[in-house]
N, C-alpha and C. Protein backbone atom coordinates (compact mmCIF):
# COMPACT_ATOMS: atom_id res chain seq x y z
N ALA A 1 85.04 146.37 129.78
CA ALA A 1 86.41 146.17 129.31
C ALA A 1 86.84 144.71 129.50
N MET A 2 86.47 144.14 130.64
CA MET A 2 86.82 142.75 130.91
C MET A 2 86.14 141.82 129.90
N GLY A 3 84.88 142.14 129.55
CA GLY A 3 84.16 141.31 128.59
C GLY A 3 84.80 141.37 127.22
N LEU A 4 85.23 142.56 126.81
CA LEU A 4 85.88 142.70 125.51
C LEU A 4 87.21 141.96 125.47
N ARG A 5 87.92 142.01 126.60
CA ARG A 5 89.20 141.30 126.68
C ARG A 5 88.98 139.79 126.56
N LEU A 6 87.94 139.29 127.22
CA LEU A 6 87.63 137.86 127.15
C LEU A 6 87.28 137.46 125.73
N VAL A 7 86.46 138.27 125.07
CA VAL A 7 86.09 137.99 123.68
C VAL A 7 87.33 137.98 122.78
N ALA A 8 88.22 138.94 123.01
CA ALA A 8 89.45 139.00 122.20
C ALA A 8 90.32 137.77 122.41
N VAL A 9 90.43 137.34 123.67
CA VAL A 9 91.23 136.14 123.97
C VAL A 9 90.62 134.90 123.32
N LEU A 10 89.30 134.76 123.42
CA LEU A 10 88.63 133.61 122.82
C LEU A 10 88.76 133.62 121.30
N ALA A 11 88.65 134.81 120.70
CA ALA A 11 88.80 134.93 119.25
C ALA A 11 90.21 134.56 118.82
N PHE A 12 91.20 135.03 119.60
CA PHE A 12 92.61 134.69 119.29
C PHE A 12 92.83 133.19 119.42
N TRP A 13 92.27 132.60 120.48
CA TRP A 13 92.41 131.16 120.68
C TRP A 13 91.79 130.38 119.53
N PHE A 14 90.61 130.82 119.08
CA PHE A 14 89.93 130.13 117.99
C PHE A 14 90.75 130.22 116.71
N LEU A 15 91.28 131.40 116.41
CA LEU A 15 92.03 131.59 115.17
C LEU A 15 93.34 130.81 115.19
N THR A 16 94.02 130.80 116.34
CA THR A 16 95.27 130.04 116.42
C THR A 16 95.01 128.55 116.35
N SER A 17 93.92 128.08 116.95
CA SER A 17 93.56 126.65 116.87
C SER A 17 93.24 126.26 115.44
N ALA A 18 92.48 127.12 114.75
CA ALA A 18 92.15 126.85 113.35
C ALA A 18 93.42 126.83 112.50
N GLY A 19 94.32 127.76 112.79
CA GLY A 19 95.58 127.79 112.05
C GLY A 19 96.41 126.54 112.31
N PHE A 20 96.43 126.08 113.57
CA PHE A 20 97.16 124.87 113.91
C PHE A 20 96.58 123.68 113.16
N ASN A 21 95.26 123.59 113.12
CA ASN A 21 94.60 122.47 112.44
C ASN A 21 94.93 122.44 110.95
N ASP A 22 95.15 123.61 110.38
CA ASP A 22 95.47 123.69 108.95
C ASP A 22 96.95 123.47 108.67
N VAL A 23 97.79 124.09 109.51
CA VAL A 23 99.24 124.06 109.25
C VAL A 23 99.85 122.69 109.58
N THR A 24 99.43 122.08 110.69
CA THR A 24 100.07 120.84 111.12
C THR A 24 99.99 119.72 110.08
N PRO A 25 98.81 119.39 109.52
CA PRO A 25 98.78 118.34 108.49
C PRO A 25 99.61 118.72 107.25
N ARG A 26 99.60 120.00 106.90
CA ARG A 26 100.40 120.43 105.74
C ARG A 26 101.89 120.25 106.02
N LEU A 27 102.31 120.60 107.24
CA LEU A 27 103.71 120.46 107.61
C LEU A 27 104.11 118.99 107.63
N MET A 28 103.25 118.13 108.15
CA MET A 28 103.53 116.71 108.18
C MET A 28 103.68 116.16 106.76
N ALA A 29 102.79 116.58 105.87
CA ALA A 29 102.85 116.12 104.48
C ALA A 29 104.11 116.61 103.79
N THR A 30 104.47 117.87 104.02
CA THR A 30 105.67 118.44 103.40
C THR A 30 106.92 117.73 103.87
N LEU A 31 107.01 117.49 105.19
CA LEU A 31 108.18 116.79 105.74
C LEU A 31 108.25 115.36 105.24
N ALA A 32 107.09 114.70 105.12
CA ALA A 32 107.06 113.31 104.65
C ALA A 32 107.59 113.22 103.22
N GLN A 33 107.30 114.21 102.41
CA GLN A 33 107.76 114.21 101.02
C GLN A 33 109.27 114.34 100.91
N THR A 34 109.88 114.92 101.92
CA THR A 34 111.34 115.11 101.91
C THR A 34 112.06 114.16 102.86
N GLY A 35 111.35 113.11 103.29
CA GLY A 35 111.96 112.12 104.18
C GLY A 35 111.86 112.44 105.65
N GLY A 36 111.04 113.42 106.01
CA GLY A 36 110.88 113.78 107.42
C GLY A 36 109.99 112.81 108.17
N TRP A 37 110.08 112.87 109.49
CA TRP A 37 109.28 112.01 110.37
C TRP A 37 108.29 112.87 111.16
N PRO A 38 107.23 112.24 111.69
CA PRO A 38 106.28 112.99 112.52
C PRO A 38 106.92 113.65 113.74
N ILE A 39 107.98 113.03 114.28
CA ILE A 39 108.64 113.60 115.45
C ILE A 39 109.24 114.96 115.12
N ASP A 40 109.58 115.17 113.83
CA ASP A 40 110.15 116.45 113.42
C ASP A 40 109.15 117.58 113.63
N VAL A 41 107.87 117.29 113.42
CA VAL A 41 106.82 118.30 113.61
C VAL A 41 106.79 118.77 115.06
N THR A 42 106.83 117.81 115.98
CA THR A 42 106.81 118.15 117.40
C THR A 42 108.05 118.96 117.79
N GLN A 43 109.20 118.55 117.28
CA GLN A 43 110.44 119.27 117.58
C GLN A 43 110.38 120.70 117.09
N ILE A 44 109.91 120.89 115.87
CA ILE A 44 109.82 122.23 115.29
C ILE A 44 108.84 123.09 116.08
N GLU A 45 107.67 122.53 116.39
CA GLU A 45 106.65 123.30 117.10
C GLU A 45 107.11 123.70 118.50
N LEU A 46 107.76 122.76 119.21
CA LEU A 46 108.24 123.08 120.56
C LEU A 46 109.35 124.13 120.51
N ALA A 47 110.26 124.00 119.54
CA ALA A 47 111.37 124.95 119.42
C ALA A 47 110.85 126.36 119.14
N ILE A 48 109.88 126.46 118.25
CA ILE A 48 109.29 127.77 117.95
C ILE A 48 108.58 128.34 119.17
N ALA A 49 107.82 127.49 119.87
CA ALA A 49 107.08 127.94 121.06
C ALA A 49 108.02 128.43 122.14
N VAL A 50 109.12 127.71 122.37
CA VAL A 50 110.09 128.13 123.39
C VAL A 50 110.76 129.44 123.00
N ALA A 51 111.09 129.59 121.73
CA ALA A 51 111.71 130.83 121.26
C ALA A 51 110.77 132.02 121.47
N ILE A 52 109.50 131.83 121.16
CA ILE A 52 108.53 132.91 121.34
C ILE A 52 108.33 133.23 122.82
N SER A 53 108.15 132.19 123.63
CA SER A 53 107.92 132.42 125.07
C SER A 53 109.12 133.06 125.74
N THR A 54 110.33 132.69 125.30
CA THR A 54 111.54 133.31 125.85
C THR A 54 111.56 134.81 125.55
N GLY A 55 111.26 135.15 124.31
CA GLY A 55 111.23 136.56 123.93
C GLY A 55 110.18 137.35 124.68
N VAL A 56 109.00 136.77 124.83
CA VAL A 56 107.91 137.45 125.52
C VAL A 56 108.24 137.68 126.99
N LEU A 57 108.78 136.65 127.65
CA LEU A 57 109.11 136.78 129.07
C LEU A 57 110.21 137.82 129.29
N ARG A 58 111.21 137.81 128.44
CA ARG A 58 112.29 138.81 128.58
C ARG A 58 111.76 140.21 128.35
N TRP A 59 110.86 140.35 127.41
CA TRP A 59 110.26 141.66 127.13
C TRP A 59 109.45 142.15 128.33
N ARG A 60 108.81 141.20 129.04
CA ARG A 60 108.01 141.56 130.22
C ARG A 60 108.85 141.67 131.48
N GLY A 61 110.12 141.26 131.41
CA GLY A 61 110.96 141.29 132.58
C GLY A 61 110.70 140.14 133.54
N GLN A 62 110.19 139.02 133.03
CA GLN A 62 109.90 137.86 133.86
C GLN A 62 110.99 136.80 133.71
N ARG A 63 110.93 135.78 134.55
CA ARG A 63 111.97 134.75 134.55
C ARG A 63 111.87 133.82 133.35
N THR A 64 113.05 133.38 132.88
CA THR A 64 113.09 132.33 131.86
C THR A 64 113.77 131.08 132.41
N ALA A 65 114.44 131.23 133.57
CA ALA A 65 115.10 130.10 134.22
C ALA A 65 114.17 129.50 135.27
N MET A 66 114.12 128.18 135.31
CA MET A 66 113.21 127.49 136.22
C MET A 66 113.69 127.59 137.67
N PRO A 67 112.78 127.84 138.62
CA PRO A 67 113.13 127.83 140.04
C PRO A 67 113.51 126.41 140.46
N THR A 68 114.60 126.28 141.20
CA THR A 68 115.09 124.96 141.60
C THR A 68 114.04 124.13 142.35
N PRO A 69 113.25 124.70 143.28
CA PRO A 69 112.27 123.87 143.99
C PRO A 69 111.21 123.23 143.10
N LEU A 70 111.06 123.73 141.88
CA LEU A 70 110.01 123.21 140.99
C LEU A 70 110.54 122.18 140.00
N TYR A 71 111.83 121.87 140.05
CA TYR A 71 112.42 120.98 139.06
C TYR A 71 111.67 119.67 138.90
N ARG A 72 111.41 119.00 140.04
CA ARG A 72 110.79 117.67 139.96
C ARG A 72 109.37 117.76 139.38
N ARG A 73 108.61 118.72 139.86
CA ARG A 73 107.22 118.86 139.37
C ARG A 73 107.19 119.28 137.91
N LEU A 74 108.10 120.16 137.53
CA LEU A 74 108.14 120.60 136.13
C LEU A 74 108.59 119.48 135.21
N LEU A 75 109.43 118.60 135.71
CA LEU A 75 109.87 117.45 134.90
C LEU A 75 108.68 116.57 134.55
N LEU A 76 107.83 116.30 135.53
CA LEU A 76 106.65 115.47 135.29
C LEU A 76 105.64 116.19 134.38
N ILE A 77 105.45 117.49 134.61
CA ILE A 77 104.51 118.25 133.78
C ILE A 77 105.03 118.33 132.34
N GLY A 78 106.31 118.60 132.18
CA GLY A 78 106.90 118.66 130.85
C GLY A 78 106.82 117.34 130.13
N LEU A 79 107.03 116.24 130.86
CA LEU A 79 106.93 114.91 130.26
C LEU A 79 105.51 114.63 129.80
N ALA A 80 104.53 114.99 130.64
CA ALA A 80 103.13 114.78 130.26
C ALA A 80 102.77 115.63 129.03
N HIS A 81 103.29 116.85 129.00
CA HIS A 81 103.03 117.71 127.84
C HIS A 81 103.63 117.12 126.58
N LEU A 82 104.85 116.62 126.68
CA LEU A 82 105.51 116.01 125.53
C LEU A 82 104.76 114.78 125.05
N LEU A 83 104.34 113.93 125.97
CA LEU A 83 103.58 112.73 125.59
C LEU A 83 102.27 113.12 124.93
N GLY A 84 101.63 114.18 125.43
CA GLY A 84 100.40 114.65 124.81
C GLY A 84 100.61 115.12 123.39
N CYS A 85 101.72 115.85 123.18
CA CYS A 85 102.04 116.33 121.82
C CYS A 85 102.34 115.17 120.89
N ARG A 86 103.13 114.23 121.36
CA ARG A 86 103.54 113.11 120.51
C ARG A 86 102.37 112.19 120.16
N THR A 87 101.52 111.89 121.15
CA THR A 87 100.39 111.00 120.86
C THR A 87 99.39 111.68 119.92
N PHE A 88 99.25 113.01 120.04
CA PHE A 88 98.33 113.71 119.14
C PHE A 88 98.87 113.69 117.71
N ILE A 89 100.15 114.03 117.55
CA ILE A 89 100.75 114.03 116.20
C ILE A 89 100.73 112.62 115.62
N TYR A 90 100.99 111.62 116.45
CA TYR A 90 100.98 110.24 115.96
C TYR A 90 99.58 109.84 115.51
N SER A 91 98.57 110.31 116.21
CA SER A 91 97.19 109.96 115.86
C SER A 91 96.82 110.49 114.48
N LEU A 92 97.42 111.61 114.07
CA LEU A 92 97.10 112.22 112.77
C LEU A 92 97.56 111.36 111.59
N GLN A 93 98.37 110.36 111.86
CA GLN A 93 98.76 109.44 110.79
C GLN A 93 97.64 108.45 110.47
N PHE A 94 96.64 108.38 111.36
CA PHE A 94 95.59 107.38 111.20
C PHE A 94 94.19 107.97 111.11
N ILE A 95 93.99 109.16 111.66
CA ILE A 95 92.65 109.77 111.65
C ILE A 95 92.76 111.22 111.20
N PRO A 96 91.67 111.81 110.67
CA PRO A 96 91.70 113.21 110.25
C PRO A 96 91.91 114.14 111.45
N VAL A 97 92.49 115.29 111.18
CA VAL A 97 92.74 116.25 112.26
C VAL A 97 91.43 116.71 112.88
N SER A 98 90.36 116.76 112.08
CA SER A 98 89.06 117.18 112.62
C SER A 98 88.58 116.21 113.69
N LEU A 99 88.75 114.91 113.46
CA LEU A 99 88.34 113.92 114.45
C LEU A 99 89.25 113.98 115.67
N ALA A 100 90.54 114.15 115.44
CA ALA A 100 91.49 114.23 116.55
C ALA A 100 91.16 115.40 117.46
N GLN A 101 90.78 116.54 116.87
CA GLN A 101 90.43 117.71 117.67
C GLN A 101 89.08 117.51 118.36
N THR A 102 88.17 116.79 117.70
CA THR A 102 86.89 116.47 118.34
C THR A 102 87.11 115.64 119.59
N ILE A 103 88.02 114.69 119.49
CA ILE A 103 88.35 113.85 120.65
C ILE A 103 89.01 114.69 121.74
N ARG A 104 89.87 115.60 121.35
CA ARG A 104 90.55 116.46 122.34
C ARG A 104 89.55 117.39 123.04
N ALA A 105 88.42 117.64 122.37
CA ALA A 105 87.39 118.48 122.99
C ALA A 105 86.72 117.77 124.15
N MET A 106 87.05 116.49 124.36
CA MET A 106 86.52 115.74 125.50
C MET A 106 87.26 116.08 126.78
N ASN A 107 88.14 117.05 126.73
CA ASN A 107 88.92 117.45 127.89
C ASN A 107 88.08 117.60 129.17
N PRO A 108 86.94 118.32 129.12
CA PRO A 108 86.12 118.46 130.34
C PRO A 108 85.62 117.12 130.88
N LEU A 109 85.24 116.21 129.98
CA LEU A 109 84.75 114.91 130.41
C LEU A 109 85.85 114.12 131.12
N VAL A 110 87.03 114.09 130.51
CA VAL A 110 88.15 113.37 131.11
C VAL A 110 88.53 114.01 132.45
N ALA A 111 88.47 115.33 132.52
CA ALA A 111 88.81 116.02 133.77
C ALA A 111 87.85 115.61 134.90
N VAL A 112 86.57 115.49 134.57
CA VAL A 112 85.58 115.09 135.57
C VAL A 112 85.81 113.64 135.99
N VAL A 113 86.12 112.77 135.03
CA VAL A 113 86.39 111.37 135.35
C VAL A 113 87.59 111.25 136.28
N VAL A 114 88.67 111.96 135.93
CA VAL A 114 89.87 111.92 136.76
C VAL A 114 89.59 112.51 138.14
N GLY A 115 88.86 113.62 138.16
CA GLY A 115 88.52 114.24 139.44
C GLY A 115 87.70 113.32 140.32
N THR A 116 86.74 112.60 139.71
CA THR A 116 85.91 111.66 140.46
C THR A 116 86.75 110.53 141.03
N LEU A 117 87.70 110.03 140.23
CA LEU A 117 88.57 108.95 140.70
C LEU A 117 89.47 109.38 141.84
N THR A 118 89.76 110.67 141.90
CA THR A 118 90.63 111.19 142.97
C THR A 118 89.85 111.74 144.15
N GLY A 119 88.52 111.51 144.15
CA GLY A 119 87.72 111.86 145.32
C GLY A 119 86.88 113.10 145.23
N ARG A 120 86.93 113.83 144.13
CA ARG A 120 86.11 115.03 143.99
C ARG A 120 84.68 114.65 143.65
N VAL A 121 83.74 115.49 144.09
CA VAL A 121 82.32 115.26 143.82
C VAL A 121 81.80 116.44 143.00
N TYR A 122 81.14 116.13 141.88
CA TYR A 122 80.64 117.17 140.99
C TYR A 122 79.11 117.19 141.03
N PRO A 123 78.51 118.38 140.96
CA PRO A 123 77.04 118.48 140.97
C PRO A 123 76.45 117.85 139.71
N LEU A 124 75.22 117.34 139.85
CA LEU A 124 74.57 116.65 138.74
C LEU A 124 74.41 117.55 137.52
N ARG A 125 74.11 118.82 137.74
CA ARG A 125 73.91 119.73 136.61
C ARG A 125 75.18 119.88 135.78
N LEU A 126 76.34 119.78 136.42
CA LEU A 126 77.59 119.85 135.67
C LEU A 126 77.80 118.58 134.87
N VAL A 127 77.50 117.44 135.47
CA VAL A 127 77.67 116.15 134.78
C VAL A 127 76.77 116.08 133.56
N VAL A 128 75.54 116.60 133.69
CA VAL A 128 74.59 116.56 132.59
C VAL A 128 75.09 117.35 131.39
N THR A 129 75.80 118.45 131.65
CA THR A 129 76.30 119.27 130.54
C THR A 129 77.36 118.53 129.72
N LEU A 130 77.87 117.43 130.24
CA LEU A 130 78.90 116.67 129.52
C LEU A 130 78.30 115.67 128.53
N LEU A 131 76.99 115.44 128.63
CA LEU A 131 76.35 114.46 127.74
C LEU A 131 76.51 114.82 126.26
N PRO A 132 76.37 116.09 125.86
CA PRO A 132 76.59 116.42 124.44
C PRO A 132 77.99 116.07 123.95
N ILE A 133 78.97 116.17 124.85
CA ILE A 133 80.35 115.81 124.47
C ILE A 133 80.44 114.33 124.17
N VAL A 134 79.80 113.51 125.02
CA VAL A 134 79.81 112.06 124.81
C VAL A 134 79.09 111.72 123.51
N LEU A 135 77.95 112.36 123.28
CA LEU A 135 77.18 112.12 122.06
C LEU A 135 77.98 112.53 120.83
N GLY A 136 78.62 113.69 120.89
CA GLY A 136 79.42 114.16 119.76
C GLY A 136 80.57 113.23 119.46
N PHE A 137 81.22 112.73 120.50
CA PHE A 137 82.33 111.79 120.31
C PHE A 137 81.84 110.51 119.66
N ALA A 138 80.72 109.98 120.15
CA ALA A 138 80.17 108.74 119.59
C ALA A 138 79.80 108.92 118.12
N MET A 139 79.21 110.06 117.79
CA MET A 139 78.80 110.31 116.40
C MET A 139 80.02 110.47 115.50
N ALA A 140 81.04 111.15 116.00
CA ALA A 140 82.24 111.38 115.19
C ALA A 140 82.97 110.09 114.88
N VAL A 141 83.07 109.22 115.88
CA VAL A 141 83.79 107.95 115.69
C VAL A 141 83.00 106.98 114.84
N SER A 142 81.67 106.95 115.04
CA SER A 142 80.83 106.00 114.31
C SER A 142 80.55 106.45 112.87
N ALA A 143 80.86 107.71 112.55
CA ALA A 143 80.58 108.22 111.21
C ALA A 143 81.42 107.52 110.15
N ASP A 144 82.59 107.02 110.54
CA ASP A 144 83.47 106.33 109.61
C ASP A 144 83.97 105.06 110.28
N LEU A 145 83.38 103.93 109.91
CA LEU A 145 83.73 102.66 110.55
C LEU A 145 85.11 102.16 110.15
N SER A 146 85.73 102.81 109.16
CA SER A 146 87.06 102.40 108.74
C SER A 146 88.17 103.10 109.52
N ILE A 147 87.78 103.90 110.50
CA ILE A 147 88.77 104.63 111.31
C ILE A 147 89.68 103.66 112.05
N GLU A 148 90.97 103.95 112.04
CA GLU A 148 91.94 103.10 112.72
C GLU A 148 91.81 103.29 114.24
N PRO A 149 91.57 102.21 114.98
CA PRO A 149 91.45 102.31 116.44
C PRO A 149 92.67 102.91 117.11
N ILE A 150 93.85 102.63 116.55
CA ILE A 150 95.07 103.17 117.18
C ILE A 150 95.10 104.69 117.12
N GLY A 151 94.52 105.26 116.06
CA GLY A 151 94.46 106.72 115.96
C GLY A 151 93.56 107.30 117.03
N VAL A 152 92.41 106.66 117.25
CA VAL A 152 91.48 107.10 118.29
C VAL A 152 92.12 106.96 119.67
N ALA A 153 92.81 105.83 119.88
CA ALA A 153 93.45 105.57 121.17
C ALA A 153 94.53 106.61 121.47
N CYS A 154 95.31 106.96 120.46
CA CYS A 154 96.37 107.97 120.65
C CYS A 154 95.77 109.34 120.94
N ALA A 155 94.69 109.68 120.24
CA ALA A 155 94.03 110.96 120.50
C ALA A 155 93.47 111.01 121.91
N LEU A 156 92.90 109.90 122.37
CA LEU A 156 92.39 109.82 123.74
C LEU A 156 93.54 109.95 124.75
N GLY A 157 94.67 109.30 124.42
CA GLY A 157 95.83 109.41 125.29
C GLY A 157 96.33 110.83 125.39
N SER A 158 96.24 111.55 124.26
CA SER A 158 96.63 112.96 124.25
C SER A 158 95.75 113.78 125.18
N VAL A 159 94.44 113.48 125.18
CA VAL A 159 93.51 114.18 126.06
C VAL A 159 93.87 113.94 127.53
N CYS A 160 94.16 112.70 127.85
CA CYS A 160 94.51 112.36 129.24
C CYS A 160 95.76 113.11 129.69
N CYS A 161 96.74 113.20 128.79
CA CYS A 161 97.97 113.94 129.12
C CYS A 161 97.66 115.42 129.30
N LEU A 162 96.78 115.96 128.46
CA LEU A 162 96.40 117.36 128.55
C LEU A 162 95.73 117.66 129.89
N VAL A 163 94.84 116.78 130.32
CA VAL A 163 94.16 116.96 131.60
C VAL A 163 95.16 116.90 132.74
N LEU A 164 96.11 115.97 132.66
CA LEU A 164 97.13 115.85 133.69
C LEU A 164 97.97 117.13 133.77
N VAL A 165 98.32 117.67 132.62
CA VAL A 165 99.10 118.91 132.59
C VAL A 165 98.28 120.06 133.21
N ASN A 166 97.03 120.17 132.82
CA ASN A 166 96.18 121.26 133.34
C ASN A 166 96.02 121.19 134.85
N GLN A 167 95.77 119.99 135.37
CA GLN A 167 95.57 119.84 136.81
C GLN A 167 96.87 120.06 137.58
N SER A 168 97.97 119.59 137.01
CA SER A 168 99.27 119.74 137.69
C SER A 168 99.71 121.21 137.70
N THR A 169 99.53 121.89 136.58
CA THR A 169 99.94 123.30 136.52
C THR A 169 99.07 124.16 137.45
N LYS A 170 97.80 123.79 137.57
CA LYS A 170 96.93 124.52 138.49
C LYS A 170 97.45 124.39 139.91
N GLY A 171 97.91 123.18 140.26
CA GLY A 171 98.46 122.98 141.58
C GLY A 171 99.71 123.81 141.83
N VAL A 172 100.55 123.94 140.80
CA VAL A 172 101.76 124.76 140.93
C VAL A 172 101.41 126.23 141.10
N LEU A 173 100.45 126.70 140.31
CA LEU A 173 100.06 128.11 140.37
C LEU A 173 99.43 128.47 141.72
N GLU A 174 98.77 127.50 142.36
CA GLU A 174 98.11 127.75 143.63
C GLU A 174 99.04 127.53 144.83
N ASP A 175 100.27 127.09 144.58
CA ASP A 175 101.22 126.83 145.66
C ASP A 175 101.94 128.13 146.03
N PRO A 176 101.70 128.65 147.24
CA PRO A 176 102.32 129.93 147.63
C PRO A 176 103.81 129.80 147.94
N ALA A 177 104.31 128.58 148.06
CA ALA A 177 105.71 128.38 148.45
C ALA A 177 106.66 128.90 147.37
N VAL A 178 106.29 128.69 146.10
CA VAL A 178 107.13 129.15 144.99
C VAL A 178 106.25 129.92 144.01
N PRO A 179 106.12 131.22 144.18
CA PRO A 179 105.27 132.02 143.30
C PRO A 179 105.76 131.96 141.85
N VAL A 180 104.84 131.74 140.93
CA VAL A 180 105.19 131.68 139.52
C VAL A 180 103.98 132.16 138.72
N THR A 181 104.22 132.88 137.65
CA THR A 181 103.11 133.35 136.81
C THR A 181 102.72 132.27 135.81
N SER A 182 101.54 132.40 135.25
CA SER A 182 101.08 131.42 134.27
C SER A 182 101.95 131.42 133.02
N SER A 183 102.44 132.60 132.63
CA SER A 183 103.31 132.70 131.46
C SER A 183 104.64 132.00 131.71
N GLU A 184 105.20 132.22 132.89
CA GLU A 184 106.46 131.55 133.24
C GLU A 184 106.27 130.04 133.28
N LEU A 185 105.18 129.60 133.87
CA LEU A 185 104.94 128.16 134.00
C LEU A 185 104.78 127.51 132.63
N GLN A 186 104.08 128.19 131.74
CA GLN A 186 103.92 127.65 130.39
C GLN A 186 105.28 127.54 129.69
N HIS A 187 106.12 128.55 129.87
CA HIS A 187 107.46 128.54 129.28
C HIS A 187 108.29 127.39 129.86
N PHE A 188 108.24 127.23 131.18
CA PHE A 188 109.00 126.16 131.82
C PHE A 188 108.56 124.78 131.29
N THR A 189 107.25 124.61 131.14
CA THR A 189 106.71 123.34 130.65
C THR A 189 107.19 123.05 129.24
N LEU A 190 107.13 124.05 128.38
CA LEU A 190 107.58 123.88 127.00
C LEU A 190 109.09 123.60 126.94
N THR A 191 109.85 124.28 127.79
CA THR A 191 111.30 124.10 127.82
C THR A 191 111.67 122.68 128.22
N VAL A 192 111.01 122.17 129.26
CA VAL A 192 111.28 120.80 129.70
C VAL A 192 110.91 119.80 128.61
N ALA A 193 109.75 119.99 127.98
CA ALA A 193 109.34 119.09 126.90
C ALA A 193 110.34 119.09 125.77
N LEU A 194 110.83 120.26 125.40
CA LEU A 194 111.81 120.37 124.33
C LEU A 194 113.13 119.71 124.74
N ALA A 195 113.54 119.92 125.98
CA ALA A 195 114.79 119.33 126.47
C ALA A 195 114.72 117.80 126.50
N LEU A 196 113.54 117.26 126.81
CA LEU A 196 113.37 115.81 126.84
C LEU A 196 113.36 115.21 125.44
N LEU A 197 112.76 115.93 124.50
CA LEU A 197 112.62 115.40 123.14
C LEU A 197 113.89 115.53 122.32
N THR A 198 114.63 116.61 122.49
CA THR A 198 115.76 116.91 121.62
C THR A 198 116.81 115.80 121.52
N PRO A 199 117.24 115.17 122.62
CA PRO A 199 118.23 114.09 122.47
C PRO A 199 117.74 112.95 121.58
N PHE A 200 116.49 112.53 121.76
CA PHE A 200 115.94 111.47 120.93
C PHE A 200 115.83 111.91 119.46
N TRP A 201 115.45 113.16 119.28
CA TRP A 201 115.32 113.69 117.92
C TRP A 201 116.67 113.73 117.22
N LEU A 202 117.69 114.19 117.92
CA LEU A 202 119.03 114.25 117.34
C LEU A 202 119.56 112.85 117.06
N PHE A 203 119.34 111.92 117.99
CA PHE A 203 119.82 110.54 117.82
C PHE A 203 119.17 109.88 116.62
N SER A 204 117.92 110.26 116.32
CA SER A 204 117.21 109.66 115.20
C SER A 204 117.59 110.31 113.86
N GLY A 205 118.51 111.27 113.89
CA GLY A 205 118.93 111.94 112.67
C GLY A 205 118.05 113.10 112.29
N GLY A 206 117.37 113.68 113.27
CA GLY A 206 116.44 114.77 113.00
C GLY A 206 117.08 115.98 112.37
N ALA A 207 118.28 116.35 112.83
CA ALA A 207 118.95 117.53 112.29
C ALA A 207 119.23 117.36 110.80
N GLN A 208 119.61 116.15 110.40
CA GLN A 208 119.89 115.89 108.99
C GLN A 208 118.61 115.90 108.16
N ARG A 209 117.50 115.44 108.75
CA ARG A 209 116.25 115.36 108.00
C ARG A 209 115.69 116.74 107.66
N VAL A 210 115.83 117.67 108.60
CA VAL A 210 115.24 119.00 108.37
C VAL A 210 116.23 120.00 107.81
N ALA A 211 117.47 119.56 107.62
CA ALA A 211 118.50 120.48 107.11
C ALA A 211 118.19 120.87 105.66
């Protein structure tokens, strides 16, 4: 039963990722035709995600309000999540979504690099498994020499933010002082990211652009 559940989760993740890869460029193109900006995509995606997570948590009887002791940590995690979203969307203006996702697949490599810099030691067999990721990244970038470096840099920045979010949320989940579920933590992170982005989006005329 556990194996079937894992397969179902992986299949759902694959399908939603594929859908994201297809919908996001289409949404960006549609908004651009009507005078929209890339920031509008992030605002729409975060708003939808928060609405869904709020409904799911209430249905499960879980919290939707952030615990006060976690405010500072959630602010940093939410900021990192927002920066990751914005740098990824910005990169799509310069590189194909397929390349951007290939770069984001370097998550394990970046995690090991960050872990090594912070004092963790990884076994050689684990490091060796990362070589295909490096090779794939090199092949993807070198396949088109006309690729804009800023697009690659933004995609890499998105990966770094993603790793920071993953490591920080793991620390929160493992902290017994303030028990929180993974679903609640994901909702809190999305809520903070949306709260940070919304003032800038409104100031830039976002409401008028998507009206």
